[in-house]
């Protein structure tokens, strides 16, 4: 069964970035992201991908960009350490690339504009939101990227998963 999900981590006030960086380091949350997306397809906007700096191993990587082509990062045969990467000029085309490559688990991984487009155009069936606990120290004073508001009335909270420094909320579209 095909599944398209937004996966995001955010701090209070829906902060997802400050000065082009994620304003926290939580290894357990990074491990959650990795284990959730492993073996699937991941879609990033250009700025988010450039912040990461390389394709994520064990996943089919697609970057949405109208100004740059990241296909040059492909180096020969795909291996665990050198995953393939594709570029698309829209989120819809990125999703189509993932489907055409045979991926049934597709994760939209940011940033703000990519999330906004996915929500506004109803391109995903699930939300996987890691909310960083308010008492965890995050430097959000220079926050400049935010996870968009979504209509609670359109989503059903299916599961809550508490962790040490964050809680994961799993939503399904009605």
N, C-alpha and C. Protein backbone atom coordinates (compact mmCIF):
# COMPACT_ATOMS: atom_id res chain seq x y z
N UNK A 1 0.84 -1.18 0.00
CA UNK A 1 0.00 0.00 0.00
C UNK A 1 0.89 1.25 0.00
N UNK A 2 0.53 2.19 -0.83
CA UNK A 2 1.29 3.42 -0.94
C UNK A 2 1.02 4.34 0.25
N UNK A 3 2.08 5.01 0.70
CA UNK A 3 1.95 5.92 1.84
C UNK A 3 2.83 7.14 1.61
N UNK A 4 2.23 8.31 1.62
CA UNK A 4 2.98 9.55 1.52
C UNK A 4 2.79 10.28 2.84
N UNK A 5 3.89 10.57 3.52
CA UNK A 5 3.83 11.19 4.85
C UNK A 5 4.76 12.39 4.93
N UNK A 6 4.32 13.38 5.67
CA UNK A 6 5.22 14.46 6.08
C UNK A 6 5.90 13.96 7.35
N UNK A 7 7.21 14.14 7.43
CA UNK A 7 7.93 13.85 8.67
C UNK A 7 8.68 15.12 9.04
N UNK A 8 8.50 15.55 10.29
CA UNK A 8 9.08 16.83 10.72
C UNK A 8 9.35 16.79 12.23
N UNK A 9 10.36 17.54 12.63
CA UNK A 9 10.60 17.80 14.04
C UNK A 9 10.48 19.30 14.23
N UNK A 10 9.78 19.71 15.29
CA UNK A 10 9.63 21.14 15.52
C UNK A 10 9.67 21.44 17.02
N UNK A 11 10.11 22.65 17.32
CA UNK A 11 10.16 23.13 18.69
C UNK A 11 8.90 23.95 18.95
N UNK A 12 8.84 24.57 20.11
CA UNK A 12 7.66 25.40 20.42
C UNK A 12 7.46 26.46 19.35
N UNK A 13 6.24 26.85 19.16
CA UNK A 13 5.82 27.80 18.12
C UNK A 13 6.10 27.27 16.72
N UNK A 14 6.21 25.94 16.58
CA UNK A 14 6.37 25.25 15.29
C UNK A 14 7.71 25.56 14.60
N UNK A 15 8.71 25.97 15.36
CA UNK A 15 10.03 26.28 14.80
C UNK A 15 10.67 25.02 14.23
N UNK A 16 11.15 25.13 12.98
CA UNK A 16 11.90 24.02 12.38
C UNK A 16 13.31 24.45 11.97
N UNK A 17 13.58 25.76 11.99
CA UNK A 17 14.92 26.21 11.60
C UNK A 17 15.23 27.60 12.09
N UNK A 18 16.53 27.86 12.23
CA UNK A 18 17.04 29.18 12.61
C UNK A 18 18.36 29.39 11.87
N UNK A 19 18.43 30.43 11.08
CA UNK A 19 19.63 30.72 10.29
C UNK A 19 20.05 29.54 9.42
N UNK A 20 19.07 28.87 8.83
CA UNK A 20 19.36 27.77 7.92
C UNK A 20 19.79 26.48 8.60
N UNK A 21 19.64 26.38 9.90
CA UNK A 21 20.06 25.19 10.64
C UNK A 21 18.92 24.70 11.53
N UNK A 22 18.98 23.44 11.90
CA UNK A 22 18.06 22.90 12.90
C UNK A 22 18.59 23.33 14.26
N UNK A 23 17.77 24.00 15.08
CA UNK A 23 18.30 24.59 16.33
C UNK A 23 18.38 23.64 17.53
N UNK A 24 18.56 22.36 17.29
CA UNK A 24 18.75 21.39 18.36
C UNK A 24 19.51 20.19 17.81
N UNK A 25 20.10 19.45 18.71
CA UNK A 25 20.77 18.19 18.37
C UNK A 25 20.25 17.16 19.36
N UNK A 26 19.44 16.24 18.85
CA UNK A 26 18.89 15.18 19.69
C UNK A 26 19.12 13.86 18.96
N UNK A 27 20.17 13.13 19.33
CA UNK A 27 20.48 11.88 18.64
C UNK A 27 19.31 10.91 18.57
N UNK A 28 18.50 10.84 19.62
CA UNK A 28 17.35 9.93 19.63
C UNK A 28 16.32 10.33 18.57
N UNK A 29 16.14 11.62 18.34
CA UNK A 29 15.20 12.08 17.31
C UNK A 29 15.77 11.81 15.92
N UNK A 30 17.06 12.02 15.76
CA UNK A 30 17.72 11.70 14.49
C UNK A 30 17.58 10.21 14.18
N UNK A 31 17.74 9.37 15.20
CA UNK A 31 17.58 7.93 15.02
C UNK A 31 16.15 7.57 14.66
N UNK A 32 15.18 8.26 15.24
CA UNK A 32 13.77 8.04 14.90
C UNK A 32 13.53 8.37 13.42
N UNK A 33 14.06 9.52 12.98
CA UNK A 33 13.92 9.91 11.57
C UNK A 33 14.54 8.84 10.67
N UNK A 34 15.73 8.42 11.01
CA UNK A 34 16.45 7.43 10.18
C UNK A 34 15.69 6.11 10.12
N UNK A 35 15.26 5.59 11.26
CA UNK A 35 14.58 4.29 11.25
C UNK A 35 13.22 4.38 10.56
N UNK A 36 12.55 5.51 10.66
CA UNK A 36 11.24 5.68 10.01
C UNK A 36 11.38 5.74 8.50
N UNK A 37 12.38 6.46 8.00
CA UNK A 37 12.51 6.70 6.56
C UNK A 37 13.36 5.66 5.84
N UNK A 38 14.13 4.85 6.56
CA UNK A 38 15.05 3.90 5.93
C UNK A 38 14.31 2.97 4.97
N UNK A 39 14.87 2.83 3.78
CA UNK A 39 14.29 1.97 2.77
C UNK A 39 13.21 2.63 1.94
N UNK A 40 12.82 3.83 2.29
CA UNK A 40 11.79 4.55 1.55
C UNK A 40 12.41 5.64 0.69
N UNK A 41 11.56 6.53 0.22
CA UNK A 41 12.01 7.68 -0.56
C UNK A 41 11.85 8.93 0.31
N UNK A 42 12.84 9.82 0.21
CA UNK A 42 12.79 11.08 0.96
C UNK A 42 12.85 12.24 -0.02
N UNK A 43 12.01 13.24 0.24
CA UNK A 43 11.94 14.42 -0.61
C UNK A 43 12.30 15.64 0.23
N UNK A 44 13.25 16.42 -0.27
CA UNK A 44 13.70 17.63 0.40
C UNK A 44 13.58 18.82 -0.55
N UNK A 45 13.36 19.99 0.02
CA UNK A 45 13.54 21.22 -0.75
C UNK A 45 15.04 21.48 -0.87
N UNK A 46 15.40 22.37 -1.79
CA UNK A 46 16.81 22.66 -2.05
C UNK A 46 17.56 23.12 -0.80
N UNK A 47 17.00 24.07 -0.08
CA UNK A 47 17.70 24.60 1.10
C UNK A 47 17.89 23.53 2.16
N UNK A 48 16.88 22.73 2.39
CA UNK A 48 17.00 21.65 3.39
C UNK A 48 18.06 20.65 2.96
N UNK A 49 18.06 20.30 1.68
CA UNK A 49 19.07 19.35 1.20
C UNK A 49 20.47 19.94 1.34
N UNK A 50 20.63 21.19 0.98
CA UNK A 50 21.97 21.81 1.07
C UNK A 50 22.43 21.89 2.52
N UNK A 51 21.51 22.03 3.46
CA UNK A 51 21.89 22.05 4.88
C UNK A 51 22.41 20.67 5.29
N UNK A 52 21.78 19.61 4.78
CA UNK A 52 22.25 18.25 5.06
C UNK A 52 23.57 18.00 4.33
N UNK A 53 23.64 18.43 3.08
CA UNK A 53 24.89 18.39 2.33
C UNK A 53 25.17 17.14 1.51
N UNK A 54 24.34 16.10 1.65
CA UNK A 54 24.59 14.88 0.89
C UNK A 54 23.32 14.03 0.90
N UNK A 55 23.19 13.13 -0.07
CA UNK A 55 22.03 12.23 -0.06
C UNK A 55 22.08 11.30 1.16
N UNK A 56 20.91 10.93 1.65
CA UNK A 56 20.85 10.05 2.81
C UNK A 56 20.96 8.59 2.37
N UNK A 57 21.88 7.84 2.95
CA UNK A 57 22.07 6.43 2.59
C UNK A 57 20.82 5.60 2.90
N UNK A 58 20.61 4.57 2.09
CA UNK A 58 19.52 3.63 2.33
C UNK A 58 18.15 4.15 1.95
N UNK A 59 18.12 5.30 1.27
CA UNK A 59 16.85 5.90 0.85
C UNK A 59 17.00 6.46 -0.55
N UNK A 60 15.90 6.53 -1.28
CA UNK A 60 15.86 7.17 -2.59
C UNK A 60 15.66 8.66 -2.33
N UNK A 61 16.61 9.49 -2.75
CA UNK A 61 16.61 10.92 -2.44
C UNK A 61 16.14 11.74 -3.62
N UNK A 62 15.21 12.66 -3.39
CA UNK A 62 14.76 13.58 -4.42
C UNK A 62 14.80 14.98 -3.84
N UNK A 63 15.40 15.91 -4.59
CA UNK A 63 15.46 17.32 -4.19
C UNK A 63 14.54 18.12 -5.11
N UNK A 64 13.69 18.94 -4.51
CA UNK A 64 12.82 19.83 -5.27
C UNK A 64 13.55 21.16 -5.42
N UNK A 65 13.86 21.51 -6.67
CA UNK A 65 14.55 22.77 -6.95
C UNK A 65 14.24 23.22 -8.36
N UNK A 66 13.97 24.49 -8.51
CA UNK A 66 13.78 25.06 -9.84
C UNK A 66 15.05 25.73 -10.35
N UNK A 67 16.09 25.81 -9.49
CA UNK A 67 17.30 26.53 -9.86
C UNK A 67 18.54 25.68 -9.97
N UNK A 68 18.55 24.50 -9.34
CA UNK A 68 19.74 23.65 -9.35
C UNK A 68 19.37 22.21 -9.68
N UNK A 69 20.31 21.51 -10.28
CA UNK A 69 20.15 20.09 -10.56
C UNK A 69 21.17 19.34 -9.71
N UNK A 70 20.70 18.42 -8.88
CA UNK A 70 21.58 17.67 -7.98
C UNK A 70 21.92 16.29 -8.50
N UNK A 71 21.47 15.97 -9.72
CA UNK A 71 21.74 14.64 -10.27
C UNK A 71 23.24 14.39 -10.44
N UNK A 72 24.04 15.46 -10.52
CA UNK A 72 25.49 15.31 -10.67
C UNK A 72 26.12 14.58 -9.49
N UNK A 73 25.42 14.52 -8.36
CA UNK A 73 25.96 13.84 -7.19
C UNK A 73 25.96 12.32 -7.35
N UNK A 74 25.26 11.83 -8.37
CA UNK A 74 25.24 10.39 -8.62
C UNK A 74 26.63 9.97 -9.12
N UNK A 75 27.18 8.98 -8.46
CA UNK A 75 28.51 8.53 -8.88
C UNK A 75 28.49 7.02 -9.10
N UNK A 76 28.21 6.64 -10.34
CA UNK A 76 28.24 5.22 -10.68
C UNK A 76 27.13 4.43 -10.04
N UNK A 77 27.45 3.25 -9.61
CA UNK A 77 26.49 2.30 -9.06
C UNK A 77 26.03 2.76 -7.67
N UNK A 78 24.74 2.60 -7.41
CA UNK A 78 24.22 2.95 -6.09
C UNK A 78 24.72 1.94 -5.07
N UNK A 79 25.24 2.45 -3.97
CA UNK A 79 25.66 1.61 -2.86
C UNK A 79 25.09 2.22 -1.59
N UNK A 80 25.29 1.54 -0.48
CA UNK A 80 24.79 2.06 0.80
C UNK A 80 25.38 3.44 1.07
N UNK A 81 26.64 3.65 0.73
CA UNK A 81 27.30 4.92 1.02
C UNK A 81 27.18 5.95 -0.10
N UNK A 82 26.65 5.54 -1.24
CA UNK A 82 26.49 6.48 -2.36
C UNK A 82 25.11 6.30 -2.99
N UNK A 83 24.07 6.74 -2.26
CA UNK A 83 22.71 6.55 -2.78
C UNK A 83 22.45 7.44 -3.99
N UNK A 84 21.52 7.00 -4.81
CA UNK A 84 21.11 7.80 -5.97
C UNK A 84 20.33 9.02 -5.51
N UNK A 85 20.39 10.07 -6.33
CA UNK A 85 19.64 11.28 -6.05
C UNK A 85 19.05 11.79 -7.35
N UNK A 86 17.85 12.33 -7.26
CA UNK A 86 17.17 12.90 -8.41
C UNK A 86 16.72 14.32 -8.06
N UNK A 87 16.48 15.10 -9.10
CA UNK A 87 16.00 16.48 -8.93
C UNK A 87 14.67 16.61 -9.65
N UNK A 88 13.73 17.31 -9.03
CA UNK A 88 12.43 17.60 -9.65
C UNK A 88 12.14 19.08 -9.44
N UNK A 89 11.39 19.67 -10.38
CA UNK A 89 11.11 21.11 -10.24
C UNK A 89 9.78 21.40 -9.55
N UNK A 90 9.12 20.37 -9.03
CA UNK A 90 7.91 20.58 -8.22
C UNK A 90 7.75 19.39 -7.28
N UNK A 91 6.99 19.60 -6.23
CA UNK A 91 6.74 18.52 -5.28
C UNK A 91 5.95 17.39 -5.95
N UNK A 92 4.99 17.75 -6.79
CA UNK A 92 4.22 16.73 -7.50
C UNK A 92 5.12 15.86 -8.37
N UNK A 93 6.06 16.47 -9.07
CA UNK A 93 6.99 15.70 -9.91
C UNK A 93 7.93 14.85 -9.05
N UNK A 94 8.31 15.36 -7.88
CA UNK A 94 9.16 14.58 -6.98
C UNK A 94 8.43 13.32 -6.51
N UNK A 95 7.16 13.47 -6.15
CA UNK A 95 6.36 12.32 -5.73
C UNK A 95 6.24 11.32 -6.88
N UNK A 96 6.00 11.82 -8.08
CA UNK A 96 5.89 10.94 -9.25
C UNK A 96 7.20 10.19 -9.50
N UNK A 97 8.34 10.85 -9.34
CA UNK A 97 9.64 10.18 -9.49
C UNK A 97 9.76 9.01 -8.50
N UNK A 98 9.35 9.25 -7.26
CA UNK A 98 9.43 8.20 -6.24
C UNK A 98 8.53 7.03 -6.60
N UNK A 99 7.31 7.32 -7.01
CA UNK A 99 6.37 6.25 -7.40
C UNK A 99 6.89 5.48 -8.60
N UNK A 100 7.39 6.21 -9.61
CA UNK A 100 7.91 5.55 -10.82
C UNK A 100 9.13 4.69 -10.53
N UNK A 101 9.87 5.04 -9.48
CA UNK A 101 11.04 4.24 -9.08
C UNK A 101 10.63 3.04 -8.22
N UNK A 102 9.32 2.91 -7.96
CA UNK A 102 8.82 1.74 -7.24
C UNK A 102 8.72 1.89 -5.73
N UNK A 103 8.78 3.12 -5.22
CA UNK A 103 8.71 3.33 -3.77
C UNK A 103 7.27 3.53 -3.33
N UNK A 104 6.86 2.77 -2.32
CA UNK A 104 5.51 2.91 -1.79
C UNK A 104 5.50 3.75 -0.51
N UNK A 105 6.66 3.89 0.13
CA UNK A 105 6.78 4.72 1.34
C UNK A 105 7.56 5.97 0.94
N UNK A 106 6.87 7.10 0.94
CA UNK A 106 7.46 8.37 0.51
C UNK A 106 7.33 9.37 1.65
N UNK A 107 8.45 9.99 2.00
CA UNK A 107 8.48 10.93 3.12
C UNK A 107 8.87 12.33 2.64
N UNK A 108 8.02 13.28 2.94
CA UNK A 108 8.29 14.69 2.63
C UNK A 108 9.00 15.26 3.85
N UNK A 109 10.25 15.70 3.65
CA UNK A 109 11.15 16.01 4.76
C UNK A 109 11.49 17.49 4.91
N UNK A 110 10.79 18.36 4.24
CA UNK A 110 11.02 19.79 4.45
C UNK A 110 11.72 20.45 3.31
N UNK A 111 11.85 21.71 3.44
CA UNK A 111 11.57 22.60 4.54
C UNK A 111 10.18 23.23 4.49
N UNK A 112 10.13 24.42 5.03
CA UNK A 112 8.86 25.10 5.26
C UNK A 112 7.99 25.16 4.01
N UNK A 113 8.54 25.61 2.89
CA UNK A 113 7.73 25.76 1.68
C UNK A 113 7.26 24.41 1.14
N UNK A 114 8.10 23.39 1.23
CA UNK A 114 7.71 22.05 0.78
C UNK A 114 6.57 21.53 1.66
N UNK A 115 6.68 21.71 2.98
CA UNK A 115 5.61 21.30 3.88
C UNK A 115 4.32 22.05 3.55
N UNK A 116 4.43 23.35 3.34
CA UNK A 116 3.25 24.17 3.05
C UNK A 116 2.55 23.67 1.78
N UNK A 117 3.34 23.43 0.74
CA UNK A 117 2.78 22.93 -0.53
C UNK A 117 2.08 21.59 -0.32
N UNK A 118 2.72 20.68 0.40
CA UNK A 118 2.14 19.35 0.64
C UNK A 118 0.81 19.45 1.37
N UNK A 119 0.73 20.34 2.36
CA UNK A 119 -0.50 20.49 3.12
C UNK A 119 -1.59 21.19 2.30
N UNK A 120 -1.22 22.27 1.63
CA UNK A 120 -2.21 23.03 0.86
C UNK A 120 -2.79 22.22 -0.28
N UNK A 121 -1.95 21.41 -0.94
CA UNK A 121 -2.40 20.62 -2.09
C UNK A 121 -2.86 19.22 -1.69
N UNK A 122 -2.87 18.96 -0.38
CA UNK A 122 -3.31 17.66 0.14
C UNK A 122 -2.57 16.50 -0.53
N UNK A 123 -1.24 16.58 -0.54
CA UNK A 123 -0.41 15.58 -1.21
C UNK A 123 0.04 14.44 -0.30
N UNK A 124 -0.37 14.47 0.97
CA UNK A 124 0.07 13.41 1.88
C UNK A 124 -1.12 12.88 2.68
N UNK A 125 -0.97 11.63 3.12
CA UNK A 125 -2.01 10.99 3.92
C UNK A 125 -1.67 10.96 5.40
N UNK A 126 -0.38 11.15 5.72
CA UNK A 126 0.04 11.05 7.12
C UNK A 126 0.94 12.21 7.52
N UNK A 127 0.91 12.52 8.80
CA UNK A 127 1.84 13.47 9.41
C UNK A 127 2.55 12.74 10.54
N UNK A 128 3.86 12.84 10.55
CA UNK A 128 4.67 12.29 11.65
C UNK A 128 5.41 13.48 12.23
N UNK A 129 4.93 13.97 13.36
CA UNK A 129 5.45 15.22 13.92
C UNK A 129 6.13 14.95 15.25
N UNK A 130 7.45 15.19 15.30
CA UNK A 130 8.20 15.11 16.56
C UNK A 130 8.21 16.50 17.17
N UNK A 131 7.53 16.63 18.30
CA UNK A 131 7.53 17.92 19.00
C UNK A 131 8.59 17.87 20.10
N UNK A 132 9.55 18.78 19.98
CA UNK A 132 10.63 18.86 20.97
C UNK A 132 10.03 19.37 22.29
N UNK A 133 10.34 18.70 23.38
CA UNK A 133 9.81 19.11 24.68
C UNK A 133 10.21 20.55 25.00
N UNK A 134 9.30 21.28 25.59
CA UNK A 134 9.54 22.70 25.87
C UNK A 134 10.74 22.93 26.79
N UNK A 135 11.06 21.95 27.65
CA UNK A 135 12.18 22.13 28.57
C UNK A 135 13.53 21.75 27.95
N UNK A 136 13.51 21.25 26.70
CA UNK A 136 14.77 20.93 26.03
C UNK A 136 15.38 22.23 25.50
N UNK A 137 16.67 22.48 25.76
CA UNK A 137 17.28 23.75 25.33
C UNK A 137 17.44 23.83 23.81
N UNK A 138 16.66 24.72 23.21
CA UNK A 138 16.73 24.99 21.77
C UNK A 138 16.98 26.48 21.60
N UNK A 139 17.91 26.83 20.73
CA UNK A 139 18.17 28.24 20.45
C UNK A 139 17.27 28.68 19.30
N UNK A 140 16.06 29.13 19.67
CA UNK A 140 15.08 29.49 18.65
C UNK A 140 14.88 31.00 18.53
N UNK A 141 15.74 31.78 19.17
CA UNK A 141 15.55 33.24 19.12
C UNK A 141 15.69 33.79 17.70
N UNK A 142 16.47 33.14 16.85
CA UNK A 142 16.63 33.57 15.45
C UNK A 142 15.82 32.70 14.49
N UNK A 143 14.72 32.13 15.00
CA UNK A 143 13.90 31.24 14.18
C UNK A 143 13.44 31.94 12.91
N UNK A 144 13.60 31.24 11.78
CA UNK A 144 13.17 31.82 10.50
C UNK A 144 12.46 30.80 9.62
N UNK A 145 12.24 29.60 10.13
CA UNK A 145 11.50 28.58 9.39
C UNK A 145 10.55 27.89 10.36
N UNK A 146 9.31 27.70 9.91
CA UNK A 146 8.26 27.19 10.78
C UNK A 146 7.45 26.13 10.05
N UNK A 147 6.98 25.13 10.80
CA UNK A 147 6.07 24.16 10.23
C UNK A 147 4.70 24.84 10.12
N UNK A 148 4.08 24.78 8.95
CA UNK A 148 2.82 25.48 8.75
C UNK A 148 1.69 24.93 9.63
N UNK A 149 0.73 25.80 9.91
CA UNK A 149 -0.48 25.37 10.59
C UNK A 149 -1.21 24.39 9.69
N UNK A 150 -1.89 23.43 10.29
CA UNK A 150 -2.74 22.53 9.52
C UNK A 150 -4.08 22.44 10.24
N UNK A 151 -5.11 22.11 9.50
CA UNK A 151 -6.46 22.06 10.05
C UNK A 151 -6.65 20.77 10.84
N UNK A 152 -6.75 20.90 12.16
CA UNK A 152 -6.96 19.73 13.01
C UNK A 152 -8.19 18.94 12.58
N UNK A 153 -9.19 19.64 12.07
CA UNK A 153 -10.44 18.98 11.68
C UNK A 153 -10.25 18.03 10.50
N UNK A 154 -9.13 18.13 9.78
CA UNK A 154 -8.88 17.27 8.63
C UNK A 154 -8.02 16.05 8.98
N UNK A 155 -7.57 15.98 10.23
CA UNK A 155 -6.63 14.93 10.62
C UNK A 155 -7.11 14.19 11.87
N UNK A 156 -6.76 12.92 11.95
CA UNK A 156 -7.07 12.10 13.12
C UNK A 156 -5.75 11.72 13.78
N UNK A 157 -5.64 12.02 15.08
CA UNK A 157 -4.45 11.61 15.83
C UNK A 157 -4.59 10.12 16.11
N UNK A 158 -3.68 9.33 15.53
CA UNK A 158 -3.74 7.87 15.67
C UNK A 158 -2.92 7.34 16.83
N UNK A 159 -1.79 7.99 17.10
CA UNK A 159 -0.86 7.45 18.09
C UNK A 159 0.04 8.56 18.60
N UNK A 160 0.42 8.46 19.86
CA UNK A 160 1.39 9.36 20.48
C UNK A 160 2.50 8.49 21.05
N UNK A 161 3.74 8.90 20.79
CA UNK A 161 4.89 8.10 21.21
C UNK A 161 5.88 8.99 21.97
N UNK A 162 5.86 8.95 23.31
CA UNK A 162 6.77 9.80 24.09
C UNK A 162 8.21 9.26 24.08
N UNK A 163 9.15 10.18 24.01
CA UNK A 163 10.58 9.87 24.10
C UNK A 163 11.17 10.80 25.17
N UNK A 164 12.46 10.69 25.41
CA UNK A 164 13.09 11.50 26.46
C UNK A 164 12.95 13.00 26.25
N UNK A 165 13.23 13.49 25.04
CA UNK A 165 13.27 14.93 24.80
C UNK A 165 12.25 15.40 23.77
N UNK A 166 11.41 14.49 23.30
CA UNK A 166 10.42 14.84 22.29
C UNK A 166 9.29 13.81 22.33
N UNK A 167 8.19 14.18 21.72
CA UNK A 167 7.04 13.28 21.58
C UNK A 167 6.67 13.23 20.10
N UNK A 168 6.42 12.04 19.59
CA UNK A 168 6.02 11.89 18.20
C UNK A 168 4.50 11.72 18.14
N UNK A 169 3.89 12.54 17.28
CA UNK A 169 2.45 12.48 17.04
C UNK A 169 2.22 11.95 15.64
N UNK A 170 1.41 10.90 15.51
CA UNK A 170 1.11 10.29 14.22
C UNK A 170 -0.34 10.63 13.86
N UNK A 171 -0.50 11.33 12.75
CA UNK A 171 -1.82 11.73 12.27
C UNK A 171 -2.11 11.04 10.95
N UNK A 172 -3.39 10.79 10.69
CA UNK A 172 -3.86 10.27 9.41
C UNK A 172 -4.92 11.23 8.88
N UNK A 173 -4.86 11.51 7.58
CA UNK A 173 -5.85 12.39 6.97
C UNK A 173 -7.21 11.72 6.99
N UNK A 174 -8.25 12.49 7.31
CA UNK A 174 -9.62 11.94 7.34
C UNK A 174 -10.09 11.57 5.96
